[in-house]
Amino acid sequence: MLRIHRETRDDEARLVLEGKLAGPWVAECRALLAEGTPAGPALVLDAREVHFADAAGLALLRELDSAGRLRARSRFLATWLDQEEKP
């Protein structure tokens, strides 16, 4: 299960995730991020409360991190994302 909500923090529109980023939730997040905000910059992602991500979820997070759109990540995600960067 994944809880998704929007909030504004530090003048940024954020998509906040809580739970497991897997399966159909990855596509849902992609769609919401693509929608963005009506009259502003692109949404950024706050994933500090994500405690599991499947391969597709990690791929989405890597893309967002590379694009500078991942603002916060859980210790679980940091471990996996940092591990991927090492040769």
C-alpha atoms as a PDB file:
ATOM      1  CA  MET A   1       0.000   0.000   0.000  1.00  0.00           C
ATOM      2  CA  LEU A   2       1.148   3.529  -0.768  1.00  0.00           C
ATOM      3  CA  ARG A   3      -0.248   6.793   0.542  1.00  0.00           C
ATOM      4  CA  ILE A   4       0.221   9.734  -1.822  1.00  0.00           C
ATOM      5  CA  HIS A   5      -0.537  13.356  -1.057  1.00  0.00           C
ATOM      6  CA  ARG A   6       0.577  16.794  -2.184  1.00  0.00           C
ATOM      7  CA  GLU A   7       1.926  19.529   0.018  1.00  0.00           C
ATOM      8  CA  THR A   8       3.825  22.767  -0.314  1.00  0.00           C
ATOM      9  CA  ARG A   9       7.034  23.107   1.650  1.00  0.00           C
ATOM     10  CA  ASP A  10       9.694  25.779   1.214  1.00  0.00           C
ATOM     11  CA  ASP A  11       7.700  27.205  -1.720  1.00  0.00           C
ATOM     12  CA  GLU A  12       7.902  23.869  -3.564  1.00  0.00           C
ATOM     13  CA  ALA A  13       5.022  21.645  -4.586  1.00  0.00           C
ATOM     14  CA  ARG A  14       5.828  18.154  -3.342  1.00  0.00           C
ATOM     15  CA  LEU A  15       4.361  14.743  -3.917  1.00  0.00           C
ATOM     16  CA  VAL A  16       4.767  12.922  -0.592  1.00  0.00           C
ATOM     17  CA  LEU A  17       4.865   9.119  -0.547  1.00  0.00           C
ATOM     18  CA  GLU A  18       4.403   6.829   2.452  1.00  0.00           C
ATOM     19  CA  GLY A  19       4.599   3.038   2.270  1.00  0.00           C
ATOM     20  CA  LYS A  20       5.601   0.709  -0.596  1.00  0.00           C
ATOM     21  CA  LEU A  21       6.485   2.085  -4.029  1.00  0.00           C
ATOM     22  CA  ALA A  22       5.782  -0.990  -6.146  1.00  0.00           C
ATOM     23  CA  GLY A  23       3.577  -2.410  -8.868  1.00  0.00           C
ATOM     24  CA  PRO A  24       0.799  -0.131 -10.104  1.00  0.00           C
ATOM     25  CA  TRP A  25       1.793   2.614  -7.655  1.00  0.00           C
ATOM     26  CA  VAL A  26       4.908   3.350  -9.706  1.00  0.00           C
ATOM     27  CA  ALA A  27       2.793   4.172 -12.776  1.00  0.00           C
ATOM     28  CA  GLU A  28       0.441   6.247 -10.626  1.00  0.00           C
ATOM     29  CA  CYS A  29       3.370   8.276  -9.275  1.00  0.00           C
ATOM     30  CA  ARG A  30       4.762   8.789 -12.772  1.00  0.00           C
ATOM     31  CA  ALA A  31       1.377  10.072 -13.935  1.00  0.00           C
ATOM     32  CA  LEU A  32       1.019  12.458 -10.990  1.00  0.00           C
ATOM     33  CA  LEU A  33       4.559  13.760 -11.434  1.00  0.00           C
ATOM     34  CA  ALA A  34       3.939  14.295 -15.155  1.00  0.00           C
ATOM     35  CA  GLU A  35       0.808  16.335 -14.371  1.00  0.00           C
ATOM     36  CA  GLY A  36       2.895  18.706 -12.308  1.00  0.00           C
ATOM     37  CA  THR A  37       1.287  21.830 -10.955  1.00  0.00           C
ATOM     38  CA  PRO A  38      -1.140  24.021 -12.895  1.00  0.00           C
ATOM     39  CA  ALA A  39       0.872  27.235 -12.800  1.00  0.00           C
ATOM     40  CA  GLY A  40       4.263  26.447 -11.439  1.00  0.00           C
ATOM     41  CA  PRO A  41       7.425  24.405 -11.518  1.00  0.00           C
ATOM     42  CA  ALA A  42       7.503  20.620 -11.712  1.00  0.00           C
ATOM     43  CA  LEU A  43       6.508  18.616  -8.665  1.00  0.00           C
ATOM     44  CA  VAL A  44       9.327  17.205  -6.574  1.00  0.00           C
ATOM     45  CA  LEU A  45       9.178  13.962  -4.619  1.00  0.00           C
ATOM     46  CA  ASP A  46       9.466  13.431  -0.872  1.00  0.00           C
ATOM     47  CA  ALA A  47      10.083   9.710  -0.264  1.00  0.00           C
ATOM     48  CA  ARG A  48      11.345   9.822   3.316  1.00  0.00           C
ATOM     49  CA  GLU A  49       8.516   7.498   4.460  1.00  0.00           C
ATOM     50  CA  VAL A  50       8.946   4.892   1.705  1.00  0.00           C
ATOM     51  CA  HIS A  51      10.099   1.615   3.251  1.00  0.00           C
ATOM     52  CA  PHE A  52      10.072  -0.605   0.142  1.00  0.00           C
ATOM     53  CA  ALA A  53      10.499  -0.127  -3.606  1.00  0.00           C
ATOM     54  CA  ASP A  54      10.545  -2.730  -6.352  1.00  0.00           C
ATOM     55  CA  ALA A  55      12.843  -2.486  -9.400  1.00  0.00           C
ATOM     56  CA  ALA A  56      10.448  -0.140 -11.232  1.00  0.00           C
ATOM     57  CA  GLY A  57      10.108   2.047  -8.139  1.00  0.00           C
ATOM     58  CA  LEU A  58      13.889   2.274  -7.745  1.00  0.00           C
ATOM     59  CA  ALA A  59      14.221   3.160 -11.437  1.00  0.00           C
ATOM     60  CA  LEU A  60      11.723   6.015 -11.011  1.00  0.00           C
ATOM     61  CA  LEU A  61      13.568   7.278  -7.943  1.00  0.00           C
ATOM     62  CA  ARG A  62      16.922   7.139  -9.769  1.00  0.00           C
ATOM     63  CA  GLU A  63      15.436   9.179 -12.637  1.00  0.00           C
ATOM     64  CA  LEU A  64      14.054  11.778 -10.247  1.00  0.00           C
ATOM     65  CA  ASP A  65      17.300  11.923  -8.282  1.00  0.00           C
ATOM     66  CA  SER A  66      19.292  12.470 -11.501  1.00  0.00           C
ATOM     67  CA  ALA A  67      16.888  15.235 -12.509  1.00  0.00           C
ATOM     68  CA  GLY A  68      17.153  16.929  -9.098  1.00  0.00           C
ATOM     69  CA  ARG A  69      13.524  16.201  -8.241  1.00  0.00           C
ATOM     70  CA  LEU A  70      14.033  13.812  -5.293  1.00  0.00           C
ATOM     71  CA  ARG A  71      14.049  15.998  -2.185  1.00  0.00           C
ATOM     72  CA  ALA A  72      13.996  13.444   0.629  1.00  0.00           C
ATOM     73  CA  ARG A  73      14.497   9.709   0.848  1.00  0.00           C
ATOM     74  CA  SER A  74      14.309   7.091   3.555  1.00  0.00           C
ATOM     75  CA  ARG A  75      17.344   5.290   4.898  1.00  0.00           C
ATOM     76  CA  PHE A  76      16.144   2.179   3.028  1.00  0.00           C
ATOM     77  CA  LEU A  77      16.079   4.048  -0.279  1.00  0.00           C
ATOM     78  CA  ALA A  78      19.385   5.786   0.385  1.00  0.00           C
ATOM     79  CA  THR A  79      21.026   2.387   0.878  1.00  0.00           C
ATOM     80  CA  TRP A  80      19.690   1.046  -2.429  1.00  0.00           C
ATOM     81  CA  LEU A  81      20.212   4.195  -4.472  1.00  0.00           C
ATOM     82  CA  ASP A  82      23.745   4.778  -3.140  1.00  0.00           C
ATOM     83  CA  GLN A  83      24.624   1.117  -3.751  1.00  0.00           C
ATOM     84  CA  GLU A  84      23.644   1.477  -7.419  1.00  0.00           C
ATOM     85  CA  GLU A  85      26.047   4.411  -7.883  1.00  0.00           C
ATOM     86  CA  LYS A  86      29.171   2.496  -6.774  1.00  0.00           C
ATOM     87  CA  PRO A  87      31.237   0.731  -9.484  1.00  0.00           C
END
